[in-house]
Amino acid sequence: MVTLHTQHDVFQAIADPTRRSILKLLADQEMPIASISNKFPISRTAVNKHLKVLSEAGLVSSQKVGRETRFKLQPEPLTEIKDWLAFFEQYWDEKLFSLKDFVESDQD
């Protein structure tokens, strides 16, 4: 039997609000799963599943320290999202300039 290891992409990983919250939580400090779980109204098993998705997307890393596993944010993969959004900034800027022109012309 062949076991497939599924890698999650960054977009899929951040699609879930709980996972985005976990990333924010880990932005300031490395934390064990028990501390992370205490911040959410879901089971530790559910938090662990979210951490697995984030880990498979390369957004968090884990390290065994004594009897606990500590998780740490790995922000580098987020550049993929930043680059994708940067492409669309040209359209936002264009729309904002159009809105500015419209508002200013309406004041005359």
PDB file of N, CA and C in Angstrom:
ATOM      1  N   MET A   1       0.845  -1.180   0.000  1.00  0.00           N
ATOM      2  CA  MET A   1       0.000   0.000   0.000  1.00  0.00           C
ATOM      3  C   MET A   1       0.885   1.237   0.000  1.00  0.00           C
ATOM      4  N   VAL A   2       0.552   2.208  -0.840  1.00  0.00           N
ATOM      5  CA  VAL A   2       1.314   3.449  -0.951  1.00  0.00           C
ATOM      6  C   VAL A   2       0.627   4.526  -0.123  1.00  0.00           C
ATOM      7  N   THR A   3       1.402   5.214   0.710  1.00  0.00           N
ATOM      8  CA  THR A   3       0.872   6.304   1.511  1.00  0.00           C
ATOM      9  C   THR A   3       1.277   7.614   0.862  1.00  0.00           C
ATOM     10  N   LEU A   4       0.290   8.445   0.577  1.00  0.00           N
ATOM     11  CA  LEU A   4       0.572   9.741  -0.001  1.00  0.00           C
ATOM     12  C   LEU A   4       0.679  10.782   1.092  1.00  0.00           C
ATOM     13  N   HIS A   5       1.706  11.616   1.011  1.00  0.00           N
ATOM     14  CA  HIS A   5       1.871  12.700   1.966  1.00  0.00           C
ATOM     15  C   HIS A   5       1.364  13.984   1.311  1.00  0.00           C
ATOM     16  N   THR A   6       0.273  14.512   1.803  1.00  0.00           N
ATOM     17  CA  THR A   6      -0.340  15.688   1.223  1.00  0.00           C
ATOM     18  C   THR A   6       0.305  16.945   1.779  1.00  0.00           C
ATOM     19  N   GLN A   7       0.781  17.785   0.897  1.00  0.00           N
ATOM     20  CA  GLN A   7       1.305  19.080   1.298  1.00  0.00           C
ATOM     21  C   GLN A   7       0.191  20.103   1.072  1.00  0.00           C
ATOM     22  N   HIS A   8       0.005  20.982   2.003  1.00  0.00           N
ATOM     23  CA  HIS A   8      -0.999  22.033   1.867  1.00  0.00           C
ATOM     24  C   HIS A   8      -0.326  23.287   1.328  1.00  0.00           C
ATOM     25  N   ASP A   9      -1.030  23.979   0.435  1.00  0.00           N
ATOM     26  CA  ASP A   9      -0.442  25.228  -0.028  1.00  0.00           C
ATOM     27  C   ASP A   9      -0.775  26.336   0.969  1.00  0.00           C
ATOM     28  N   VAL A  10      -0.057  27.416   0.866  1.00  0.00           N
ATOM     29  CA  VAL A  10      -0.183  28.516   1.814  1.00  0.00           C
ATOM     30  C   VAL A  10      -1.588  29.102   1.788  1.00  0.00           C
ATOM     31  N   PHE A  11      -2.170  29.236   0.604  1.00  0.00           N
ATOM     32  CA  PHE A  11      -3.506  29.807   0.486  1.00  0.00           C
ATOM     33  C   PHE A  11      -4.539  28.931   1.193  1.00  0.00           C
ATOM     34  N   GLN A  12      -4.424  27.632   1.012  1.00  0.00           N
ATOM     35  CA  GLN A  12      -5.342  26.710   1.676  1.00  0.00           C
ATOM     36  C   GLN A  12      -5.152  26.772   3.190  1.00  0.00           C
ATOM     37  N   ALA A  13      -3.916  26.877   3.612  1.00  0.00           N
ATOM     38  CA  ALA A  13      -3.613  26.893   5.044  1.00  0.00           C
ATOM     39  C   ALA A  13      -4.197  28.116   5.734  1.00  0.00           C
ATOM     40  N   ILE A  14      -4.132  29.277   5.090  1.00  0.00           N
ATOM     41  CA  ILE A  14      -4.635  30.485   5.749  1.00  0.00           C
ATOM     42  C   ILE A  14      -6.120  30.730   5.479  1.00  0.00           C
ATOM     43  N   ALA A  15      -6.757  29.857   4.725  1.00  0.00           N
ATOM     44  CA  ALA A  15      -8.179  30.024   4.425  1.00  0.00           C
ATOM     45  C   ALA A  15      -9.051  29.899   5.674  1.00  0.00           C
ATOM     46  N   ASP A  16      -8.584  29.178   6.656  1.00  0.00           N
ATOM     47  CA  ASP A  16      -9.366  28.948   7.867  1.00  0.00           C
ATOM     48  C   ASP A  16      -9.077  30.034   8.908  1.00  0.00           C
ATOM     49  N   PRO A  17     -10.118  30.651   9.488  1.00  0.00           N
ATOM     50  CA  PRO A  17      -9.909  31.715  10.473  1.00  0.00           C
ATOM     51  C   PRO A  17      -9.148  31.258  11.723  1.00  0.00           C
ATOM     52  N   THR A  18      -9.359  30.026  12.144  1.00  0.00           N
ATOM     53  CA  THR A  18      -8.637  29.525  13.314  1.00  0.00           C
ATOM     54  C   THR A  18      -7.148  29.438  13.016  1.00  0.00           C
ATOM     55  N   ARG A  19      -6.805  28.978  11.838  1.00  0.00           N
ATOM     56  CA  ARG A  19      -5.383  28.884  11.482  1.00  0.00           C
ATOM     57  C   ARG A  19      -4.756  30.276  11.383  1.00  0.00           C
ATOM     58  N   ARG A  20      -5.509  31.238  10.858  1.00  0.00           N
ATOM     59  CA  ARG A  20      -4.982  32.606  10.818  1.00  0.00           C
ATOM     60  C   ARG A  20      -4.755  33.127  12.234  1.00  0.00           C
ATOM     61  N   SER A  21      -5.661  32.814  13.128  1.00  0.00           N
ATOM     62  CA  SER A  21      -5.504  33.236  14.528  1.00  0.00           C
ATOM     63  C   SER A  21      -4.292  32.573  15.179  1.00  0.00           C
ATOM     64  N   ILE A  22      -4.075  31.317  14.873  1.00  0.00           N
ATOM     65  CA  ILE A  22      -2.906  30.609  15.408  1.00  0.00           C
ATOM     66  C   ILE A  22      -1.626  31.279  14.911  1.00  0.00           C
ATOM     67  N   LEU A  23      -1.592  31.651  13.644  1.00  0.00           N
ATOM     68  CA  LEU A  23      -0.406  32.325  13.096  1.00  0.00           C
ATOM     69  C   LEU A  23      -0.147  33.643  13.822  1.00  0.00           C
ATOM     70  N   LYS A  24      -1.206  34.411  14.076  1.00  0.00           N
ATOM     71  CA  LYS A  24      -1.050  35.672  14.814  1.00  0.00           C
ATOM     72  C   LYS A  24      -0.517  35.415  16.217  1.00  0.00           C
ATOM     73  N   LEU A  25      -1.034  34.381  16.842  1.00  0.00           N
ATOM     74  CA  LEU A  25      -0.610  34.018  18.192  1.00  0.00           C
ATOM     75  C   LEU A  25       0.876  33.663  18.220  1.00  0.00           C
ATOM     76  N   LEU A  26       1.324  32.958  17.199  1.00  0.00           N
ATOM     77  CA  LEU A  26       2.723  32.525  17.152  1.00  0.00           C
ATOM     78  C   LEU A  26       3.663  33.607  16.614  1.00  0.00           C
ATOM     79  N   ALA A  27       3.116  34.719  16.150  1.00  0.00           N
ATOM     80  CA  ALA A  27       3.953  35.794  15.612  1.00  0.00           C
ATOM     81  C   ALA A  27       4.857  36.392  16.680  1.00  0.00           C
ATOM     82  N   ASP A  28       4.373  36.419  17.911  1.00  0.00           N
ATOM     83  CA  ASP A  28       5.139  37.042  18.990  1.00  0.00           C
ATOM     84  C   ASP A  28       6.037  36.093  19.758  1.00  0.00           C
ATOM     85  N   GLN A  29       5.644  34.819  19.763  1.00  0.00           N
ATOM     86  CA  GLN A  29       6.407  33.883  20.583  1.00  0.00           C
ATOM     87  C   GLN A  29       6.189  32.435  20.167  1.00  0.00           C
ATOM     88  N   GLU A  30       7.153  31.618  20.520  1.00  0.00           N
ATOM     89  CA  GLU A  30       7.068  30.167  20.349  1.00  0.00           C
ATOM     90  C   GLU A  30       6.183  29.649  21.483  1.00  0.00           C
ATOM     91  N   MET A  31       5.290  28.710  21.165  1.00  0.00           N
ATOM     92  CA  MET A  31       4.358  28.230  22.191  1.00  0.00           C
ATOM     93  C   MET A  31       4.149  26.727  22.107  1.00  0.00           C
ATOM     94  N   PRO A  32       3.930  26.090  23.279  1.00  0.00           N
ATOM     95  CA  PRO A  32       3.559  24.670  23.278  1.00  0.00           C
ATOM     96  C   PRO A  32       2.080  24.530  22.926  1.00  0.00           C
ATOM     97  N   ILE A  33       1.711  23.348  22.458  1.00  0.00           N
ATOM     98  CA  ILE A  33       0.332  23.120  22.032  1.00  0.00           C
ATOM     99  C   ILE A  33      -0.675  23.351  23.161  1.00  0.00           C
ATOM    100  N   ALA A  34      -0.309  23.063  24.389  1.00  0.00           N
ATOM    101  CA  ALA A  34      -1.235  23.276  25.506  1.00  0.00           C
ATOM    102  C   ALA A  34      -1.600  24.750  25.635  1.00  0.00           C
ATOM    103  N   SER A  35      -0.623  25.634  25.505  1.00  0.00           N
ATOM    104  CA  SER A  35      -0.882  27.073  25.588  1.00  0.00           C
ATOM    105  C   SER A  35      -1.702  27.563  24.406  1.00  0.00           C
ATOM    106  N   ILE A  36      -1.425  27.028  23.234  1.00  0.00           N
ATOM    107  CA  ILE A  36      -2.189  27.406  22.044  1.00  0.00           C
ATOM    108  C   ILE A  36      -3.640  26.958  22.221  1.00  0.00           C
ATOM    109  N   SER A  37      -3.834  25.728  22.649  1.00  0.00           N
ATOM    110  CA  SER A  37      -5.183  25.164  22.833  1.00  0.00           C
ATOM    111  C   SER A  37      -6.015  25.966  23.821  1.00  0.00           C
ATOM    112  N   ASN A  38      -5.368  26.502  24.839  1.00  0.00           N
ATOM    113  CA  ASN A  38      -6.089  27.290  25.850  1.00  0.00           C
ATOM    114  C   ASN A  38      -6.690  28.573  25.278  1.00  0.00           C
ATOM    115  N   LYS A  39      -6.226  29.014  24.141  1.00  0.00           N
ATOM    116  CA  LYS A  39      -6.692  30.265  23.533  1.00  0.00           C
ATOM    117  C   LYS A  39      -7.910  30.069  22.620  1.00  0.00           C
ATOM    118  N   PHE A  40      -8.309  28.811  22.397  1.00  0.00           N
ATOM    119  CA  PHE A  40      -9.382  28.529  21.444  1.00  0.00           C
ATOM    120  C   PHE A  40     -10.464  27.658  22.067  1.00  0.00           C
ATOM    121  N   PRO A  41     -11.716  27.864  21.640  1.00  0.00           N
ATOM    122  CA  PRO A  41     -12.829  27.077  22.180  1.00  0.00           C
ATOM    123  C   PRO A  41     -13.016  25.746  21.447  1.00  0.00           C
ATOM    124  N   ILE A  42     -11.915  25.147  21.036  1.00  0.00           N
ATOM    125  CA  ILE A  42     -11.963  23.857  20.342  1.00  0.00           C
ATOM    126  C   ILE A  42     -11.028  22.894  21.061  1.00  0.00           C
ATOM    127  N   SER A  43     -11.143  21.630  20.734  1.00  0.00           N
ATOM    128  CA  SER A  43     -10.346  20.622  21.417  1.00  0.00           C
ATOM    129  C   SER A  43      -8.865  20.724  21.043  1.00  0.00           C
ATOM    130  N   ARG A  44      -8.045  20.152  21.887  1.00  0.00           N
ATOM    131  CA  ARG A  44      -6.611  20.116  21.611  1.00  0.00           C
ATOM    132  C   ARG A  44      -6.336  19.324  20.333  1.00  0.00           C
ATOM    133  N   THR A  45      -7.134  18.286  20.091  1.00  0.00           N
ATOM    134  CA  THR A  45      -7.002  17.488  18.868  1.00  0.00           C
ATOM    135  C   THR A  45      -7.264  18.351  17.641  1.00  0.00           C
ATOM    136  N   ALA A  46      -8.286  19.196  17.720  1.00  0.00           N
ATOM    137  CA  ALA A  46      -8.599  20.091  16.600  1.00  0.00           C
ATOM    138  C   ALA A  46      -7.465  21.091  16.379  1.00  0.00           C
ATOM    139  N   VAL A  47      -6.929  21.649  17.446  1.00  0.00           N
ATOM    140  CA  VAL A  47      -5.790  22.574  17.334  1.00  0.00           C
ATOM    141  C   VAL A  47      -4.609  21.856  16.707  1.00  0.00           C
ATOM    142  N   ASN A  48      -4.381  20.630  17.120  1.00  0.00           N
ATOM    143  CA  ASN A  48      -3.285  19.840  16.573  1.00  0.00           C
ATOM    144  C   ASN A  48      -3.451  19.630  15.062  1.00  0.00           C
ATOM    145  N   LYS A  49      -4.684  19.401  14.613  1.00  0.00           N
ATOM    146  CA  LYS A  49      -4.947  19.234  13.177  1.00  0.00           C
ATOM    147  C   LYS A  49      -4.656  20.530  12.425  1.00  0.00           C
ATOM    148  N   HIS A  50      -5.045  21.657  13.009  1.00  0.00           N
ATOM    149  CA  HIS A  50      -4.751  22.951  12.387  1.00  0.00           C
ATOM    150  C   HIS A  50      -3.237  23.179  12.306  1.00  0.00           C
ATOM    151  N   LEU A  51      -2.541  22.834  13.364  1.00  0.00           N
ATOM    152  CA  LEU A  51      -1.084  22.991  13.372  1.00  0.00           C
ATOM    153  C   LEU A  51      -0.425  22.094  12.328  1.00  0.00           C
ATOM    154  N   LYS A  52      -1.006  20.939  12.097  1.00  0.00           N
ATOM    155  CA  LYS A  52      -0.465  20.028  11.079  1.00  0.00           C
ATOM    156  C   LYS A  52      -0.592  20.645   9.691  1.00  0.00           C
ATOM    157  N   VAL A  53      -1.754  21.247   9.405  1.00  0.00           N
ATOM    158  CA  VAL A  53      -1.958  21.901   8.111  1.00  0.00           C
ATOM    159  C   VAL A  53      -0.963  23.054   7.948  1.00  0.00           C
ATOM    160  N   LEU A  54      -0.807  23.851   8.994  1.00  0.00           N
ATOM    161  CA  LEU A  54       0.134  24.968   8.948  1.00  0.00           C
ATOM    162  C   LEU A  54       1.563  24.481   8.772  1.00  0.00           C
ATOM    163  N   SER A  55       1.886  23.395   9.431  1.00  0.00           N
ATOM    164  CA  SER A  55       3.222  22.813   9.319  1.00  0.00           C
ATOM    165  C   SER A  55       3.482  22.291   7.912  1.00  0.00           C
ATOM    166  N   GLU A  56       2.501  21.609   7.328  1.00  0.00           N
ATOM    167  CA  GLU A  56       2.647  21.060   5.981  1.00  0.00           C
ATOM    168  C   GLU A  56       2.764  22.164   4.930  1.00  0.00           C
ATOM    169  N   ALA A  57       2.235  23.361   5.249  1.00  0.00           N
ATOM    170  CA  ALA A  57       2.364  24.501   4.340  1.00  0.00           C
ATOM    171  C   ALA A  57       3.664  25.264   4.601  1.00  0.00           C
ATOM    172  N   GLY A  58       4.416  24.827   5.602  1.00  0.00           N
ATOM    173  CA  GLY A  58       5.681  25.472   5.925  1.00  0.00           C
ATOM    174  C   GLY A  58       5.532  26.742   6.746  1.00  0.00           C
ATOM    175  N   LEU A  59       4.337  26.990   7.293  1.00  0.00           N
ATOM    176  CA  LEU A  59       4.075  28.217   8.038  1.00  0.00           C
ATOM    177  C   LEU A  59       4.437  28.137   9.515  1.00  0.00           C
ATOM    178  N   VAL A  60       4.546  26.926  10.045  1.00  0.00           N
ATOM    179  CA  VAL A  60       5.003  26.751  11.424  1.00  0.00           C
ATOM    180  C   VAL A  60       6.015  25.608  11.462  1.00  0.00           C
ATOM    181  N   SER A  61       6.884  25.709  12.421  1.00  0.00           N
ATOM    182  CA  SER A  61       7.816  24.613  12.666  1.00  0.00           C
ATOM    183  C   SER A  61       7.608  24.167  14.102  1.00  0.00           C
ATOM    184  N   SER A  62       8.013  22.961  14.392  1.00  0.00           N
ATOM    185  CA  SER A  62       7.875  22.456  15.758  1.00  0.00           C
ATOM    186  C   SER A  62       9.198  21.884  16.222  1.00  0.00           C
ATOM    187  N   GLN A  63       9.360  21.928  17.529  1.00  0.00           N
ATOM    188  CA  GLN A  63      10.590  21.432  18.141  1.00  0.00           C
ATOM    189  C   GLN A  63      10.238  20.831  19.497  1.00  0.00           C
ATOM    190  N   LYS A  64      10.767  19.679  19.747  1.00  0.00           N
ATOM    191  CA  LYS A  64      10.529  19.001  21.016  1.00  0.00           C
ATOM    192  C   LYS A  64      11.449  19.624  22.065  1.00  0.00           C
ATOM    193  N   VAL A  65      10.863  20.123  23.148  1.00  0.00           N
ATOM    194  CA  VAL A  65      11.627  20.690  24.260  1.00  0.00           C
ATOM    195  C   VAL A  65      11.155  19.967  25.520  1.00  0.00           C
ATOM    196  N   GLY A  66      11.973  19.041  25.992  1.00  0.00           N
ATOM    197  CA  GLY A  66      11.562  18.226  27.136  1.00  0.00           C
ATOM    198  C   GLY A  66      10.383  17.363  26.735  1.00  0.00           C
ATOM    199  N   ARG A  67       9.303  17.472  27.496  1.00  0.00           N
ATOM    200  CA  ARG A  67       8.124  16.657  27.221  1.00  0.00           C
ATOM    201  C   ARG A  67       7.098  17.347  26.332  1.00  0.00           C
ATOM    202  N   GLU A  68       7.371  18.590  25.964  1.00  0.00           N
ATOM    203  CA  GLU A  68       6.382  19.301  25.158  1.00  0.00           C
ATOM    204  C   GLU A  68       6.930  19.654  23.771  1.00  0.00           C
ATOM    205  N   THR A  69       6.014  19.829  22.864  1.00  0.00           N
ATOM    206  CA  THR A  69       6.362  20.258  21.514  1.00  0.00           C
ATOM    207  C   THR A  69       6.006  21.732  21.394  1.00  0.00           C
ATOM    208  N   ARG A  70       6.973  22.530  20.993  1.00  0.00           N
ATOM    209  CA  ARG A  70       6.775  23.979  20.846  1.00  0.00           C
ATOM    210  C   ARG A  70       6.655  24.319  19.369  1.00  0.00           C
ATOM    211  N   PHE A  71       5.754  25.230  19.079  1.00  0.00           N
ATOM    212  CA  PHE A  71       5.504  25.651  17.705  1.00  0.00           C
ATOM    213  C   PHE A  71       5.954  27.092  17.518  1.00  0.00           C
ATOM    214  N   LYS A  72       6.459  27.364  16.314  1.00  0.00           N
ATOM    215  CA  LYS A  72       7.020  28.673  16.005  1.00  0.00           C
ATOM    216  C   LYS A  72       6.583  29.083  14.595  1.00  0.00           C
ATOM    217  N   LEU A  73       6.252  30.351  14.422  1.00  0.00           N
ATOM    218  CA  LEU A  73       5.877  30.879  13.117  1.00  0.00           C
ATOM    219  C   LEU A  73       7.065  30.861  12.167  1.00  0.00           C
ATOM    220  N   GLN A  74       6.811  30.452  10.935  1.00  0.00           N
ATOM    221  CA  GLN A  74       7.791  30.509   9.844  1.00  0.00           C
ATOM    222  C   GLN A  74       7.156  31.395   8.766  1.00  0.00           C
ATOM    223  N   PRO A  75       7.374  32.697   8.796  1.00  0.00           N
ATOM    224  CA  PRO A  75       6.640  33.609   7.918  1.00  0.00           C
ATOM    225  C   PRO A  75       7.063  33.608   6.451  1.00  0.00           C
ATOM    226  N   GLU A  76       8.164  33.002   6.117  1.00  0.00           N
ATOM    227  CA  GLU A  76       8.681  33.057   4.746  1.00  0.00           C
ATOM    228  C   GLU A  76       7.663  32.655   3.679  1.00  0.00           C
ATOM    229  N   PRO A  77       6.888  31.579   3.870  1.00  0.00           N
ATOM    230  CA  PRO A  77       5.909  31.205   2.833  1.00  0.00           C
ATOM    231  C   PRO A  77       4.830  32.264   2.591  1.00  0.00           C
ATOM    232  N   LEU A  78       4.645  33.177   3.538  1.00  0.00           N
ATOM    233  CA  LEU A  78       3.650  34.230   3.360  1.00  0.00           C
ATOM    234  C   LEU A  78       4.032  35.205   2.249  1.00  0.00           C
ATOM    235  N   THR A  79       5.289  35.195   1.825  1.00  0.00           N
ATOM    236  CA  THR A  79       5.698  36.059   0.716  1.00  0.00           C
ATOM    237  C   THR A  79       4.967  35.667  -0.566  1.00  0.00           C
ATOM    238  N   GLU A  80       4.594  34.401  -0.690  1.00  0.00           N
ATOM    239  CA  GLU A  80       3.823  33.952  -1.858  1.00  0.00           C
ATOM    240  C   GLU A  80       2.496  34.711  -1.928  1.00  0.00           C
ATOM    241  N   ILE A  81       1.861  34.904  -0.779  1.00  0.00           N
ATOM    242  CA  ILE A  81       0.594  35.629  -0.719  1.00  0.00           C
ATOM    243  C   ILE A  81       0.829  37.111  -0.975  1.00  0.00           C
ATOM    244  N   LYS A  82       1.875  37.641  -0.374  1.00  0.00           N
ATOM    245  CA  LYS A  82       2.218  39.053  -0.575  1.00  0.00           C
ATOM    246  C   LYS A  82       2.462  39.340  -2.055  1.00  0.00           C
ATOM    247  N   ASP A  83       3.199  38.477  -2.721  1.00  0.00           N
ATOM    248  CA  ASP A  83       3.485  38.653  -4.143  1.00  0.00           C
ATOM    249  C   ASP A  83       2.213  38.561  -4.987  1.00  0.00           C
ATOM    250  N   TRP A  84       1.335  37.632  -4.633  1.00  0.00           N
ATOM    251  CA  TRP A  84       0.083  37.462  -5.362  1.00  0.00           C
ATOM    252  C   TRP A  84      -0.784  38.715  -5.210  1.00  0.00           C
ATOM    253  N   LEU A  85      -0.877  39.228  -3.979  1.00  0.00           N
ATOM    254  CA  LEU A  85      -1.671  40.426  -3.731  1.00  0.00           C
ATOM    255  C   LEU A  85      -1.060  41.654  -4.395  1.00  0.00           C
ATOM    256  N   ALA A  86       0.255  41.716  -4.453  1.00  0.00           N
ATOM    257  CA  ALA A  86       0.940  42.856  -5.067  1.00  0.00           C
ATOM    258  C   ALA A  86       0.535  43.013  -6.525  1.00  0.00           C
ATOM    259  N   PHE A  87       0.324  41.910  -7.200  1.00  0.00           N
ATOM    260  CA  PHE A  87      -0.107  41.958  -8.588  1.00  0.00           C
ATOM    261  C   PHE A  87      -1.415  42.736  -8.724  1.00  0.00           C
ATOM    262  N   PHE A  88      -2.328  42.564  -7.778  1.00  0.00           N
ATOM    263  CA  PHE A  88      -3.647  43.189  -7.859  1.00  0.00           C
ATOM    264  C   PHE A  88      -3.673  44.618  -7.342  1.00  0.00           C
ATOM    265  N   GLU A  89      -2.600  45.059  -6.712  1.00  0.00           N
ATOM    266  CA  GLU A  89      -2.545  46.434  -6.218  1.00  0.00           C
ATOM    267  C   GLU A  89      -2.728  47.439  -7.351  1.00  0.00           C
ATOM    268  N   GLN A  90      -2.236  47.109  -8.522  1.00  0.00           N
ATOM    269  CA  GLN A  90      -2.378  48.018  -9.663  1.00  0.00           C
ATOM    270  C   GLN A  90      -3.850  48.317  -9.939  1.00  0.00           C
ATOM    271  N   TYR A  91      -4.714  47.330  -9.756  1.00  0.00           N
ATOM    272  CA  TYR A  91      -6.140  47.526  -9.987  1.00  0.00           C
ATOM    273  C   TYR A  91      -6.772  48.349  -8.866  1.00  0.00           C
ATOM    274  N   TRP A  92      -6.327  48.087  -7.633  1.00  0.00           N
ATOM    275  CA  TRP A  92      -6.846  48.863  -6.511  1.00  0.00           C
ATOM    276  C   TRP A  92      -6.452  50.319  -6.660  1.00  0.00           C
ATOM    277  N   ASP A  93      -5.190  50.570  -6.997  1.00  0.00           N
ATOM    278  CA  ASP A  93      -4.718  51.939  -7.174  1.00  0.00           C
ATOM    279  C   ASP A  93      -5.509  52.643  -8.275  1.00  0.00           C
ATOM    280  N   GLU A  94      -5.739  51.928  -9.363  1.00  0.00           N
ATOM    281  CA  GLU A  94      -6.497  52.490 -10.480  1.00  0.00           C
ATOM    282  C   GLU A  94      -7.911  52.878 -10.037  1.00  0.00           C
ATOM    283  N   LYS A  95      -8.565  52.003  -9.284  1.00  0.00           N
ATOM    284  CA  LYS A  95      -9.927  52.279  -8.807  1.00  0.00           C
ATOM    285  C   LYS A  95      -9.929  53.439  -7.812  1.00  0.00           C
ATOM    286  N   LEU A  96      -8.927  53.500  -6.945  1.00  0.00           N
ATOM    287  CA  LEU A  96      -8.861  54.593  -5.974  1.00  0.00           C
ATOM    288  C   LEU A  96      -8.630  55.934  -6.663  1.00  0.00           C
ATOM    289  N   PHE A  97      -7.778  55.943  -7.691  1.00  0.00           N
ATOM    290  CA  PHE A  97      -7.562  57.185  -8.440  1.00  0.00           C
ATOM    291  C   PHE A  97      -8.849  57.610  -9.146  1.00  0.00           C
ATOM    292  N   SER A  98      -9.573  56.650  -9.689  1.00  0.00           N
ATOM    293  CA  SER A  98     -10.852  56.957 -10.347  1.00  0.00           C
ATOM    294  C   SER A  98     -11.850  57.520  -9.337  1.00  0.00           C
ATOM    295  N   LEU A  99     -11.898  56.931  -8.159  1.00  0.00           N
ATOM    296  CA  LEU A  99     -12.800  57.411  -7.114  1.00  0.00           C
ATOM    297  C   LEU A  99     -12.407  58.829  -6.689  1.00  0.00           C
ATOM    298  N   LYS A 100     -11.120  59.064  -6.528  1.00  0.00           N
ATOM    299  CA  LYS A 100     -10.621  60.389  -6.146  1.00  0.00           C
ATOM    300  C   LYS A 100     -11.029  61.419  -7.198  1.00  0.00           C
ATOM    301  N   ASP A 101     -10.807  61.093  -8.459  1.00  0.00           N
ATOM    302  CA  ASP A 101     -11.184  62.003  -9.544  1.00  0.00           C
ATOM    303  C   ASP A 101     -12.691  62.270  -9.535  1.00  0.00           C
ATOM    304  N   PHE A 102     -13.477  61.238  -9.312  1.00  0.00           N
ATOM    305  CA  PHE A 102     -14.927  61.378  -9.282  1.00  0.00           C
ATOM    306  C   PHE A 102     -15.361  62.293  -8.146  1.00  0.00           C
ATOM    307  N   VAL A 103     -14.818  62.053  -6.966  1.00  0.00           N
ATOM    308  CA  VAL A 103     -15.202  62.841  -5.781  1.00  0.00           C
ATOM    309  C   VAL A 103     -14.779  64.296  -5.967  1.00  0.00           C
ATOM    310  N   GLU A 104     -13.567  64.507  -6.467  1.00  0.00           N
ATOM    311  CA  GLU A 104     -13.081  65.873  -6.646  1.00  0.00           C
ATOM    312  C   GLU A 104     -13.846  66.609  -7.739  1.00  0.00           C
ATOM    313  N   SER A 105     -14.241  65.904  -8.793  1.00  0.00           N
ATOM    314  CA  SER A 105     -14.992  66.559  -9.872  1.00  0.00           C
ATOM    315  C   SER A 105     -16.418  66.887  -9.435  1.00  0.00           C
ATOM    316  N   ASP A 106     -16.935  66.147  -8.500  1.00  0.00           N
ATOM    317  CA  ASP A 106     -18.292  66.359  -7.984  1.00  0.00           C
ATOM    318  C   ASP A 106     -18.355  67.586  -7.103  1.00  0.00           C
ATOM    319  N   GLN A 107     -17.224  68.037  -6.587  1.00  0.00           N
ATOM    320  CA  GLN A 107     -17.185  69.182  -5.676  1.00  0.00           C
ATOM    321  C   GLN A 107     -17.157  70.513  -6.428  1.00  0.00           C
ATOM    322  N   ASP A 108     -16.961  70.450  -7.710  1.00  0.00           N
ATOM    323  CA  ASP A 108     -16.875  71.700  -8.503  1.00  0.00           C
ATOM    324  C   ASP A 108     -18.201  72.350  -8.678  1.00  0.00           C
TER     325      ASP A 108
END
